[in-house]
Amino acid sequence: MHTTGHTEPRPDEASERNEHGVTGSTDGGVQVQRSRRFRRVRRIALCLFLALLLPLLAAETALYINHTGDPADATHTRNRDALWLGHAWVDGRKKDADVTALARRLEDTGIRDLYVHSGPLEHNGTLPKSVYPRARWFIDAVHEKLPGIRVQAFLGDVLATESPDGMRLENEHTRAAVLGSARQILDTGYEGIHLDLEPLHSGDRDYLSLLDALRRETRSRDALLSVAAHQIDPLPALHSVFGTFTGHPKWWSQEFFGQVARRVDQIAVMSYDTMQPLESTYGGYVAQQTSLALEVTPPSTDLLMGLPFFHENRFGHWSHAETVPAAVRGVRLGLSRTDADRARFGVALYIDFAATEADWRAYKEDWVR
């Protein structure tokens, strides 16, 4: 028997040559391939995570820095502030004693306007008189106990922009009905209309047409037209990007904000529900929003920045971050950097029934002084 120098494999060594001529276990080769694929997927996932995380960290750092510095000394109330009030003031739940308490609360503040929830509007734009039966009583009581304070009808509805249900502004009959509802409620004695339609997408031409019609009506009556406004893109075109991935654009472009501001007497920015995790970044965000809004709001329009007089914890709003002190500081910083001497400027407090003593104290100490 001749030997060749190669040892024959034993029967219990089930092996085979792979495509490279290397003898090895079939199971081992599969495991190697799986391990390589896992490492490749992990590297890709890490790269994607960093690609998303690093811009976010950069943005949050910028907001933190935006919260630093000292506001100008003169950046305090111009006595053009506003307060959003709940529906209880016009549906019969509030009494004379409540108005007396409200009058005491508003003493020595800068509040000039009350936005009293007097709706909501129906999806077709109409407004049942049954939803504000005590409006005339409240208006008269305010005029008696709070002379100089104006009472505006806070009207709103959900728009059918992101769901099949809601108001459709593209329908001209609906817009005509909203105008009719404005006439109806101004006849009650309100001194203005405060409109809040959400979610309102940036660039909505039908909304601008509605504002034009409402402005003609309010001017003919020497009444005010004011709106609750969405926040402005903190980054260029962010509303478009966010809308593409979520279906909810959230922000307005700065250009559209300016188009709205030029059509109204007052524009109140809903500068809360910002998704900010810290007081410092929230304050920096409000400072940025204040500057962006000041840049495009004409001097003839009152610009009001919203203060969070409510306390919730949910996605988009953390009460430990969105505080009145942080918001006021942000407002003062933005005002200082952009237009410190602007006269037609104030803050708007949302909302009376959720406010705490700490909220009122911070507003008075930090903004009214």
Protein backbone atom coordinates (compact mmCIF):
# COMPACT_ATOMS: atom_id res chain seq x y z
CA MET A 1 0.00 0.00 0.00
CA HIS A 2 1.42 3.35 -1.03
CA THR A 3 0.90 6.47 1.06
CA THR A 4 0.65 9.98 -0.41
CA GLY A 5 1.33 11.93 2.72
CA HIS A 6 -2.32 12.94 3.17
CA THR A 7 -4.35 11.58 6.01
CA GLU A 8 -7.78 10.39 5.01
CA PRO A 9 -10.54 11.94 7.07
CA ARG A 10 -12.18 9.80 9.62
CA PRO A 11 -15.82 8.95 9.00
CA ASP A 12 -16.94 11.05 12.02
CA GLU A 13 -15.33 14.20 10.65
CA ALA A 14 -18.05 15.42 8.31
CA SER A 15 -16.21 18.09 6.38
CA GLU A 16 -16.03 19.47 2.90
CA ARG A 17 -14.03 21.87 0.86
CA ASN A 18 -15.56 25.33 0.48
CA GLU A 19 -15.33 27.40 -2.68
CA HIS A 20 -11.86 28.57 -1.70
CA GLY A 21 -10.54 25.03 -1.23
CA VAL A 22 -10.52 25.30 2.54
CA THR A 23 -11.81 22.40 4.45
CA GLY A 24 -14.21 23.44 7.20
CA SER A 25 -17.57 23.02 8.83
CA THR A 26 -20.64 24.03 6.77
CA ASP A 27 -22.34 25.40 9.91
CA GLY A 28 -19.26 27.42 10.79
CA GLY A 29 -19.21 29.11 7.37
CA VAL A 30 -22.84 30.13 7.68
CA GLN A 31 -22.19 31.56 11.13
CA VAL A 32 -19.28 33.61 9.80
CA GLN A 33 -21.45 35.03 7.03
CA ARG A 34 -24.23 35.87 9.48
CA SER A 35 -21.75 37.56 11.79
CA ARG A 36 -20.43 39.69 8.93
CA ARG A 37 -23.94 40.69 7.88
CA PHE A 38 -24.83 41.60 11.47
CA ARG A 39 -21.74 43.80 11.78
CA ARG A 40 -22.55 45.51 8.49
CA VAL A 41 -26.16 46.19 9.51
CA ARG A 42 -24.98 47.45 12.88
CA ARG A 43 -22.54 49.87 11.25
CA ILE A 44 -25.26 51.18 8.93
CA ALA A 45 -27.69 51.61 11.83
CA LEU A 46 -25.05 53.46 13.84
CA CYS A 47 -24.33 55.79 10.92
CA LEU A 48 -28.04 56.53 10.48
CA PHE A 49 -28.45 57.14 14.22
CA LEU A 50 -25.52 59.56 14.26
CA ALA A 51 -26.79 61.28 11.11
CA LEU A 52 -30.04 62.02 12.94
CA LEU A 53 -28.62 62.62 16.40
CA LEU A 54 -25.80 65.02 15.58
CA PRO A 55 -28.00 67.66 13.86
CA LEU A 56 -30.47 67.37 16.74
CA LEU A 57 -27.72 67.87 19.31
CA ALA A 58 -26.41 70.82 17.31
CA ALA A 59 -29.88 72.39 17.20
CA GLU A 60 -30.47 71.90 20.93
CA THR A 61 -27.04 73.35 21.69
CA ALA A 62 -27.87 76.39 19.59
CA LEU A 63 -31.14 76.87 21.50
CA TYR A 64 -29.30 76.55 24.80
CA ILE A 65 -26.86 79.24 23.73
CA ASN A 66 -29.78 81.37 22.52
CA HIS A 67 -31.10 81.32 26.09
CA THR A 68 -27.96 82.95 27.48
CA GLY A 69 -27.27 86.64 27.94
CA ASP A 70 -29.09 89.49 29.66
CA PRO A 71 -32.36 90.98 28.34
CA ALA A 72 -32.52 94.75 27.89
CA ASP A 73 -33.85 96.58 30.93
CA ALA A 74 -36.82 98.09 29.09
CA THR A 75 -38.20 94.77 27.84
CA HIS A 76 -41.29 94.59 30.02
CA THR A 77 -45.02 94.90 29.49
CA ARG A 78 -46.34 97.54 27.10
CA ASN A 79 -49.81 97.05 28.62
CA ARG A 80 -50.95 95.16 25.52
CA ASP A 81 -51.07 91.66 27.01
CA ALA A 82 -53.98 89.23 26.63
CA LEU A 83 -55.55 86.34 28.52
CA TRP A 84 -57.34 83.37 27.01
CA LEU A 85 -60.46 82.49 29.02
CA GLY A 86 -62.42 79.24 29.06
CA HIS A 87 -66.02 78.69 28.01
CA ALA A 88 -67.39 78.81 31.55
CA TRP A 89 -67.52 82.63 31.39
CA VAL A 90 -70.28 82.67 28.77
CA ASP A 91 -72.24 79.43 29.29
CA GLY A 92 -73.72 80.24 32.70
CA ARG A 93 -71.25 78.64 35.09
CA LYS A 94 -69.58 81.90 36.17
CA LYS A 95 -71.30 84.47 38.41
CA ASP A 96 -70.79 88.07 39.52
CA ALA A 97 -68.39 86.98 42.27
CA ASP A 98 -66.18 85.31 39.66
CA VAL A 99 -65.90 88.53 37.66
CA THR A 100 -65.02 90.39 40.85
CA ALA A 101 -62.26 87.86 41.53
CA LEU A 102 -61.05 88.17 37.93
CA ALA A 103 -60.90 91.94 38.32
CA ARG A 104 -58.73 91.56 41.43
CA ARG A 105 -56.50 89.10 39.60
CA LEU A 106 -55.91 91.49 36.72
CA GLU A 107 -55.10 94.52 38.88
CA ASP A 108 -51.63 95.91 38.21
CA THR A 109 -51.04 93.69 35.19
CA GLY A 110 -50.51 94.54 31.54
CA ILE A 111 -53.60 92.70 30.32
CA ARG A 112 -55.74 94.68 27.89
CA ASP A 113 -57.64 91.96 25.99
CA LEU A 114 -59.67 88.93 27.04
CA TYR A 115 -60.12 86.15 24.47
CA VAL A 116 -63.25 84.39 25.73
CA HIS A 117 -64.01 80.98 24.25
CA SER A 118 -67.44 81.49 22.70
CA GLY A 119 -67.62 78.62 20.21
CA PRO A 120 -66.70 76.24 18.85
CA LEU A 121 -67.82 76.90 15.31
CA GLU A 122 -69.65 74.10 13.55
CA HIS A 123 -67.72 72.42 10.76
CA ASN A 124 -69.94 74.24 8.25
CA GLY A 125 -68.93 77.60 9.73
CA THR A 126 -72.13 78.37 11.62
CA LEU A 127 -72.30 79.27 15.31
CA PRO A 128 -75.30 78.25 17.44
CA LYS A 129 -76.38 81.07 19.75
CA SER A 130 -77.01 78.44 22.41
CA VAL A 131 -73.28 78.04 23.06
CA TYR A 132 -72.80 81.57 24.45
CA PRO A 133 -76.04 82.41 26.32
CA ARG A 134 -74.35 84.60 28.97
CA ALA A 135 -72.02 86.53 26.67
CA ARG A 136 -73.84 89.84 27.02
CA TRP A 137 -73.82 89.53 30.81
CA PHE A 138 -70.06 88.86 30.85
CA ILE A 139 -69.24 91.75 28.50
CA ASP A 140 -71.25 94.19 30.61
CA ALA A 141 -69.73 92.87 33.85
CA VAL A 142 -66.19 93.30 32.52
CA HIS A 143 -66.91 96.83 31.33
CA GLU A 144 -68.25 97.68 34.76
CA LYS A 145 -65.49 96.12 36.87
CA LEU A 146 -62.57 96.26 34.44
CA PRO A 147 -62.85 99.54 32.53
CA GLY A 148 -60.47 99.68 29.59
CA ILE A 149 -60.35 95.89 29.13
CA ARG A 150 -61.63 94.66 25.76
CA VAL A 151 -63.59 91.43 25.36
CA GLN A 152 -63.09 89.42 22.17
CA ALA A 153 -64.94 86.29 21.04
CA PHE A 154 -62.50 83.37 20.88
CA LEU A 155 -63.82 81.18 18.02
CA GLY A 156 -62.18 78.04 16.70
CA ASP A 157 -62.62 74.68 15.08
CA VAL A 158 -60.66 71.67 13.87
CA LEU A 159 -59.77 71.83 10.19
CA ALA A 160 -60.04 68.85 7.87
CA THR A 161 -56.39 69.20 6.85
CA GLU A 162 -55.10 65.99 8.44
CA SER A 163 -58.27 63.95 8.90
CA PRO A 164 -61.56 63.55 7.04
CA ASP A 165 -63.51 65.36 9.76
CA GLY A 166 -63.46 69.10 10.34
CA MET A 167 -63.99 72.46 8.71
CA ARG A 168 -63.06 72.81 5.03
CA LEU A 169 -61.89 76.32 4.25
CA GLU A 170 -61.68 75.53 0.54
CA ASN A 171 -65.49 75.55 0.53
CA GLU A 172 -66.62 79.12 -0.19
CA HIS A 173 -69.97 78.50 1.53
CA THR A 174 -68.13 77.53 4.71
CA ARG A 175 -66.04 80.71 4.61
CA ALA A 176 -69.21 82.76 4.04
CA ALA A 177 -70.80 81.05 7.06
CA VAL A 178 -67.78 81.91 9.24
CA LEU A 179 -68.17 85.54 8.19
CA GLY A 180 -71.86 85.37 9.07
CA SER A 181 -70.99 83.91 12.48
CA ALA A 182 -68.59 86.80 13.07
CA ARG A 183 -71.33 89.32 12.30
CA GLN A 184 -73.70 87.43 14.58
CA ILE A 185 -71.39 87.40 17.59
CA LEU A 186 -70.23 91.00 17.13
CA ASP A 187 -73.90 91.96 17.33
CA THR A 188 -73.82 90.53 20.86
CA GLY A 189 -71.41 93.26 21.93
CA TYR A 190 -67.96 91.71 21.60
CA GLU A 191 -65.21 94.14 20.67
CA GLY A 192 -63.37 91.74 18.43
CA ILE A 193 -63.02 88.29 16.89
CA HIS A 194 -60.16 86.03 17.93
CA LEU A 195 -59.87 83.15 15.44
CA ASP A 196 -58.12 79.86 16.17
CA LEU A 197 -58.30 77.23 13.41
CA GLU A 198 -56.05 74.17 13.69
CA PRO A 199 -54.14 72.44 12.21
CA LEU A 200 -53.66 75.20 9.65
CA HIS A 201 -51.02 74.44 7.06
CA SER A 202 -48.55 77.04 5.89
CA GLY A 203 -49.52 78.81 2.66
CA ASP A 204 -53.28 78.24 2.95
CA ARG A 205 -54.71 80.80 0.51
CA ASP A 206 -58.30 80.09 1.58
CA TYR A 207 -57.42 81.13 5.12
CA LEU A 208 -55.96 84.40 3.85
CA SER A 209 -59.14 85.03 1.85
CA LEU A 210 -61.19 84.44 4.98
CA LEU A 211 -59.06 86.90 6.94
CA ASP A 212 -59.51 89.53 4.21
CA ALA A 213 -63.29 89.19 4.45
CA LEU A 214 -63.28 89.24 8.25
CA ARG A 215 -61.02 92.30 8.33
CA ARG A 216 -63.42 94.26 6.13
CA GLU A 217 -66.26 93.36 8.50
CA THR A 218 -64.42 94.18 11.73
CA ARG A 219 -63.11 97.48 10.37
CA SER A 220 -66.60 98.53 9.36
CA ARG A 221 -67.65 98.02 12.99
CA ASP A 222 -64.53 99.50 14.60
CA ALA A 223 -63.84 96.05 16.05
CA LEU A 224 -60.63 94.01 16.29
CA LEU A 225 -59.53 90.97 14.33
CA SER A 226 -56.98 88.75 16.03
CA VAL A 227 -55.71 85.23 15.41
CA ALA A 228 -53.88 82.46 17.21
CA ALA A 229 -50.86 81.64 15.06
CA HIS A 230 -48.74 78.54 14.61
CA GLN A 231 -45.02 78.70 15.31
CA ILE A 232 -42.54 79.70 12.61
CA ASP A 233 -40.05 77.32 10.97
CA PRO A 234 -37.06 77.22 13.35
CA LEU A 235 -35.07 75.92 10.36
CA PRO A 236 -35.78 76.89 6.74
CA ALA A 237 -38.63 74.85 5.19
CA LEU A 238 -38.87 72.60 8.25
CA HIS A 239 -42.66 72.50 7.92
CA SER A 240 -42.30 70.88 4.49
CA VAL A 241 -39.81 68.26 5.67
CA PHE A 242 -41.76 67.49 8.85
CA GLY A 243 -45.01 67.28 6.91
CA THR A 244 -43.54 64.84 4.41
CA PHE A 245 -42.53 62.37 7.11
CA THR A 246 -45.34 62.86 9.64
CA GLY A 247 -48.31 64.29 7.75
CA HIS A 248 -48.37 67.17 10.27
CA PRO A 249 -46.35 70.20 9.08
CA LYS A 250 -46.77 71.94 12.48
CA TRP A 251 -44.90 75.18 11.63
CA TRP A 252 -45.62 78.06 9.26
CA SER A 253 -43.04 79.56 6.98
CA GLN A 254 -41.90 82.99 8.09
CA GLU A 255 -43.29 84.41 4.85
CA PHE A 256 -46.77 83.01 5.52
CA PHE A 257 -46.67 84.27 9.10
CA GLY A 258 -46.01 87.75 7.74
CA GLN A 259 -48.89 87.44 5.27
CA VAL A 260 -51.23 86.60 8.14
CA ALA A 261 -49.85 89.34 10.40
CA ARG A 262 -50.49 92.00 7.76
CA ARG A 263 -54.17 91.08 7.63
CA VAL A 264 -55.02 91.32 11.34
CA ASP A 265 -54.90 93.74 14.26
CA GLN A 266 -53.33 91.21 16.63
CA ILE A 267 -51.43 87.96 16.12
CA ALA A 268 -50.78 85.71 19.12
CA VAL A 269 -48.13 83.02 18.66
CA MET A 270 -48.94 79.69 20.32
CA SER A 271 -45.35 79.43 21.57
CA TYR A 272 -45.87 76.27 23.61
CA ASP A 273 -46.13 72.55 22.77
CA THR A 274 -42.62 72.87 21.37
CA MET A 275 -41.18 69.37 22.03
CA GLN A 276 -38.35 70.97 24.03
CA PRO A 277 -36.99 68.84 26.91
CA LEU A 278 -35.34 71.55 29.05
CA GLU A 279 -36.20 75.00 30.36
CA SER A 280 -33.03 76.36 28.79
CA THR A 281 -33.76 75.02 25.31
CA TYR A 282 -37.42 76.02 25.59
CA GLY A 283 -36.44 79.56 26.54
CA GLY A 284 -33.98 79.65 23.65
CA TYR A 285 -36.70 78.40 21.31
CA VAL A 286 -39.11 81.14 22.45
CA ALA A 287 -36.36 83.74 21.98
CA GLN A 288 -35.88 82.53 18.41
CA GLN A 289 -39.63 82.50 17.74
CA THR A 290 -39.95 86.03 19.09
CA SER A 291 -37.21 87.29 16.78
CA LEU A 292 -38.62 85.49 13.74
CA ALA A 293 -42.10 86.89 14.39
CA LEU A 294 -40.84 90.44 15.01
CA GLU A 295 -38.99 90.42 11.70
CA VAL A 296 -42.18 90.01 9.63
CA THR A 297 -44.94 91.54 11.78
CA PRO A 298 -45.73 95.10 10.67
CA PRO A 299 -45.49 97.86 13.31
CA SER A 300 -49.25 98.44 12.96
CA THR A 301 -50.07 94.90 14.23
CA ASP A 302 -49.91 93.82 17.87
CA LEU A 303 -47.57 90.83 18.23
CA LEU A 304 -48.24 88.68 21.29
CA MET A 305 -46.11 85.71 22.38
CA GLY A 306 -47.95 82.93 24.19
CA LEU A 307 -47.09 81.93 27.75
CA PRO A 308 -47.92 78.37 28.96
CA PHE A 309 -50.36 78.86 31.84
CA PHE A 310 -51.15 75.13 31.82
CA HIS A 311 -49.40 71.98 32.99
CA GLU A 312 -49.44 68.77 30.97
CA ASN A 313 -47.00 65.98 30.25
CA ARG A 314 -47.37 64.35 26.85
CA PHE A 315 -45.47 64.09 23.60
CA GLY A 316 -44.60 67.60 22.53
CA HIS A 317 -45.10 69.25 25.92
CA TRP A 318 -43.25 68.75 29.20
CA SER A 319 -44.38 70.97 32.03
CA HIS A 320 -40.95 70.89 33.71
CA ALA A 321 -39.48 72.51 30.59
CA GLU A 322 -42.24 74.79 29.29
CA THR A 323 -42.50 77.14 32.24
CA VAL A 324 -43.62 80.76 32.47
CA PRO A 325 -40.19 82.00 33.71
CA ALA A 326 -38.43 80.32 30.78
CA ALA A 327 -40.96 81.69 28.29
CA VAL A 328 -40.78 85.24 29.65
CA ARG A 329 -36.99 85.19 29.59
CA GLY A 330 -37.09 83.94 25.99
CA VAL A 331 -39.56 86.66 25.00
CA ARG A 332 -37.39 89.36 26.58
CA LEU A 333 -34.22 88.04 24.93
CA GLY A 334 -35.85 87.89 21.49
CA LEU A 335 -37.32 91.36 21.93
CA SER A 336 -33.95 92.74 23.12
CA ARG A 337 -32.08 91.35 20.13
CA THR A 338 -34.57 92.26 17.44
CA ASP A 339 -36.72 95.30 18.28
CA ALA A 340 -36.35 96.29 21.93
CA ASP A 341 -38.37 99.51 21.56
CA ARG A 342 -41.34 98.02 19.72
CA ALA A 343 -44.54 99.45 21.20
CA ARG A 344 -47.19 97.08 19.83
CA PHE A 345 -45.96 93.98 21.61
CA GLY A 346 -47.09 91.81 24.49
CA VAL A 347 -47.64 88.32 25.84
CA ALA A 348 -50.78 86.17 25.83
CA LEU A 349 -51.53 83.84 28.75
CA TYR A 350 -53.02 80.40 27.98
CA ILE A 351 -55.30 79.63 29.85
CA ASP A 352 -57.13 80.96 32.92
CA PHE A 353 -58.63 77.75 34.34
CA ALA A 354 -55.31 75.84 34.34
CA ALA A 355 -53.10 78.61 35.75
CA THR A 356 -51.37 78.30 39.11
CA GLU A 357 -50.35 80.99 41.58
CA ALA A 358 -46.76 80.36 40.52
CA ASP A 359 -47.68 81.12 36.89
CA TRP A 360 -49.29 84.44 37.82
CA ARG A 361 -46.42 85.34 40.12
CA ALA A 362 -43.81 84.67 37.42
CA TYR A 363 -45.77 86.73 34.87
CA LYS A 364 -46.03 89.68 37.26
CA GLU A 365 -42.49 89.56 38.63
CA ASP A 366 -40.65 88.78 35.39
CA TRP A 367 -42.73 90.64 32.80
CA VAL A 368 -44.97 93.24 34.47
CA ARG A 369 -42.67 94.40 37.30
